[in-house]
Amino acid sequence: GGIFKKAAELTVLCDAEVSLIMFSSTGKLSEYVSHTATTKKIFDRYQQVSGINLWNSHYERMQEHLSKQKEVNNNLRREIRQRMGEDLDDLSVDELRGLEQNMENSLKVVRERKYHVISTQTDTCKKKIRNLQDTNASLLRQLEERDEIPHFGFVDNGGDYESALGLANNGSHLFAFRLQPNQPNLQDGGIYGSYDLRLA
């Protein structure tokens, strides 16, 4: 803290532009720069006064890295053109054989991937078909069970027995019954009575 305080005092008392950069043993950065300047501005002034280019070595490394990246990019572009059947005139026999082998390996990988995708889609379709078949079989069983349940129709003495009988004869497992009193004289006035149940 004391050294940064001194740097601030120099800035105020001497009207100086001060830049202080300090790293601790753990790598922590601490810095101070006058409020009237920036670190880059002070470095630029230092280069002008001392004649030392602080960025030259860094710039050279960047240029070297850029050149390598351009070379890699050009090689990749040339390889792509060669795989497309272009730019083959300068290749030797061994290089052509190597290119052919690489393309065969690539083609093998593509075919394996294609067969895998086809197999996966086929399995998915088979599962869907089995599910539809199971659903259809379940619906058929429900329909058969429903048809096996008999349906009964009751017709009172004054009801439309012929219509019910016709429906019974045309329907599947459908039965029509007619209720007929044993004592006709109790039909009108009697509340209680016994009835015969006759199957049509």
Foldseek 3Di string as FASTA:
>chain_A
DVVLVVQVVCCPVVVDWDKDWDADPVGDIDIDTDPVDDPVRVVVVVCVVVVDDPCPVVVVVVVVVVVVVVVVVVVVVCLVQVLVVPPCPPDDPVRVVVNVVVNVVVVVVVVVVVVVVVVVVVVVVVVVVVVVVVVVVVVVVVVVVVLPDAAEAEAEPPGDQVVQVVVQVPHRNYWYWYWDFPDVVCPPPPPDGDTDTDID
